[in-house]
C-alpha cells in the first residue's frame, strides 16, 4: 500500500483527516499521521474488515472506522 489520505473516526474523534502509510495488520498497532500534526498509534489490532467501503479496525481497546480517499 502506498501512503493514502484517510478519514478516521473512533473514540473521541470524528472524521479526522490524515495519512495512512501502512494498511492496518492484525497483531500490530495501527498508526495514522493527522493533518493537525498529531500521530495516532492504537493498541494492537485484533481484526480488520470492510463495511460500506470503509475499513473497520478493532483493537484491544477500541473500534475505528477508516475511509480511504481514492488514489489520485
C-alpha atoms as a PDB file:
ATOM      1  CA  UNK A   1       0.000   0.000   0.000  1.00  0.00           C
ATOM      2  CA  UNK A   2       1.290   3.442  -0.884  1.00  0.00           C
ATOM      3  CA  UNK A   3       0.638   6.223   1.637  1.00  0.00           C
ATOM      4  CA  UNK A   4      -3.010   7.177   1.305  1.00  0.00           C
ATOM      5  CA  UNK A   5      -5.201  10.010   2.590  1.00  0.00           C
ATOM      6  CA  UNK A   6      -7.850   8.811   5.018  1.00  0.00           C
ATOM      7  CA  UNK A   7     -10.574   9.982   7.368  1.00  0.00           C
ATOM      8  CA  UNK A   8     -10.666   8.186  10.711  1.00  0.00           C
ATOM      9  CA  UNK A   9     -13.440   8.034  13.297  1.00  0.00           C
ATOM     10  CA  UNK A  10     -13.118   6.438  16.695  1.00  0.00           C
ATOM     11  CA  UNK A  11     -13.174   7.184  20.405  1.00  0.00           C
ATOM     12  CA  UNK A  12     -13.043  10.947  20.989  1.00  0.00           C
ATOM     13  CA  UNK A  13     -12.689  11.763  17.270  1.00  0.00           C
ATOM     14  CA  UNK A  14     -14.956  12.113  14.275  1.00  0.00           C
ATOM     15  CA  UNK A  15     -13.701  12.114  10.682  1.00  0.00           C
ATOM     16  CA  UNK A  16     -10.219  13.435  11.324  1.00  0.00           C
ATOM     17  CA  UNK A  17      -8.171  13.674   8.127  1.00  0.00           C
ATOM     18  CA  UNK A  18      -4.697  12.237   7.914  1.00  0.00           C
ATOM     19  CA  UNK A  19      -2.277   9.954   6.138  1.00  0.00           C
ATOM     20  CA  UNK A  20      -2.200   6.174   6.460  1.00  0.00           C
ATOM     21  CA  UNK A  21       1.226   4.878   5.488  1.00  0.00           C
ATOM     22  CA  UNK A  22       0.665   1.165   6.145  1.00  0.00           C
ATOM     23  CA  UNK A  23      -2.601  -0.774   5.986  1.00  0.00           C
ATOM     24  CA  UNK A  24      -3.653  -1.982   9.465  1.00  0.00           C
ATOM     25  CA  UNK A  25      -2.428  -5.513  10.253  1.00  0.00           C
ATOM     26  CA  UNK A  26      -3.643  -7.920  12.908  1.00  0.00           C
ATOM     27  CA  UNK A  27      -1.137  -8.163  15.745  1.00  0.00           C
ATOM     28  CA  UNK A  28       0.360  -4.683  15.207  1.00  0.00           C
ATOM     29  CA  UNK A  29      -0.721  -1.192  16.300  1.00  0.00           C
ATOM     30  CA  UNK A  30      -2.428   0.992  13.666  1.00  0.00           C
ATOM     31  CA  UNK A  31      -0.729   4.319  13.013  1.00  0.00           C
ATOM     32  CA  UNK A  32      -2.044   7.437  11.264  1.00  0.00           C
ATOM     33  CA  UNK A  33      -0.448  10.844  10.814  1.00  0.00           C
ATOM     34  CA  UNK A  34      -3.159  13.506  11.199  1.00  0.00           C
ATOM     35  CA  UNK A  35      -3.172  16.751   9.233  1.00  0.00           C
ATOM     36  CA  UNK A  36      -3.097  18.699  12.526  1.00  0.00           C
ATOM     37  CA  UNK A  37       0.383  17.291  13.244  1.00  0.00           C
ATOM     38  CA  UNK A  38      -0.671  14.640  15.746  1.00  0.00           C
ATOM     39  CA  UNK A  39       0.030  10.924  15.384  1.00  0.00           C
ATOM     40  CA  UNK A  40      -2.493   8.259  16.314  1.00  0.00           C
ATOM     41  CA  UNK A  41      -0.974   4.974  17.427  1.00  0.00           C
ATOM     42  CA  UNK A  42      -3.533   2.460  18.638  1.00  0.00           C
ATOM     43  CA  UNK A  43      -3.289  -0.626  20.754  1.00  0.00           C
ATOM     44  CA  UNK A  44      -2.767  -3.942  18.930  1.00  0.00           C
ATOM     45  CA  UNK A  45      -5.191  -4.598  16.046  1.00  0.00           C
ATOM     46  CA  UNK A  46      -7.436  -7.635  16.619  1.00  0.00           C
ATOM     47  CA  UNK A  47      -9.477  -7.633  13.380  1.00  0.00           C
ATOM     48  CA  UNK A  48      -9.722  -5.685  10.120  1.00  0.00           C
ATOM     49  CA  UNK A  49     -12.860  -5.865   7.971  1.00  0.00           C
ATOM     50  CA  UNK A  50     -14.668  -3.794   5.353  1.00  0.00           C
ATOM     51  CA  UNK A  51     -18.088  -2.202   5.666  1.00  0.00           C
ATOM     52  CA  UNK A  52     -19.588   0.079   3.008  1.00  0.00           C
ATOM     53  CA  UNK A  53     -16.171   0.895   1.565  1.00  0.00           C
ATOM     54  CA  UNK A  54     -14.590   1.673   4.931  1.00  0.00           C
ATOM     55  CA  UNK A  55     -12.061  -0.286   6.933  1.00  0.00           C
ATOM     56  CA  UNK A  56     -13.370  -1.309  10.347  1.00  0.00           C
ATOM     57  CA  UNK A  57     -10.422  -1.810  12.669  1.00  0.00           C
ATOM     58  CA  UNK A  58     -10.964  -3.419  16.073  1.00  0.00           C
ATOM     59  CA  UNK A  59      -8.094  -3.021  18.521  1.00  0.00           C
ATOM     60  CA  UNK A  60      -7.656  -4.317  22.059  1.00  0.00           C
ATOM     61  CA  UNK A  61      -9.384  -1.196  23.363  1.00  0.00           C
ATOM     62  CA  UNK A  62     -11.457   0.448  20.621  1.00  0.00           C
ATOM     63  CA  UNK A  63     -13.105   0.324  17.212  1.00  0.00           C
ATOM     64  CA  UNK A  64     -12.072   2.673  14.397  1.00  0.00           C
ATOM     65  CA  UNK A  65     -13.637   3.333  11.010  1.00  0.00           C
ATOM     66  CA  UNK A  66     -11.231   4.432   8.298  1.00  0.00           C
ATOM     67  CA  UNK A  67     -12.444   5.834   4.971  1.00  0.00           C
ATOM     68  CA  UNK A  68      -9.624   5.844   2.433  1.00  0.00           C
ATOM     69  CA  UNK A  69      -9.655   8.532  -0.240  1.00  0.00           C
ATOM     70  CA  UNK A  70      -9.423   7.244  -3.818  1.00  0.00           C
ATOM     71  CA  UNK A  71      -5.898   7.296  -5.187  1.00  0.00           C
ATOM     72  CA  UNK A  72      -5.236  10.308  -7.423  1.00  0.00           C
END
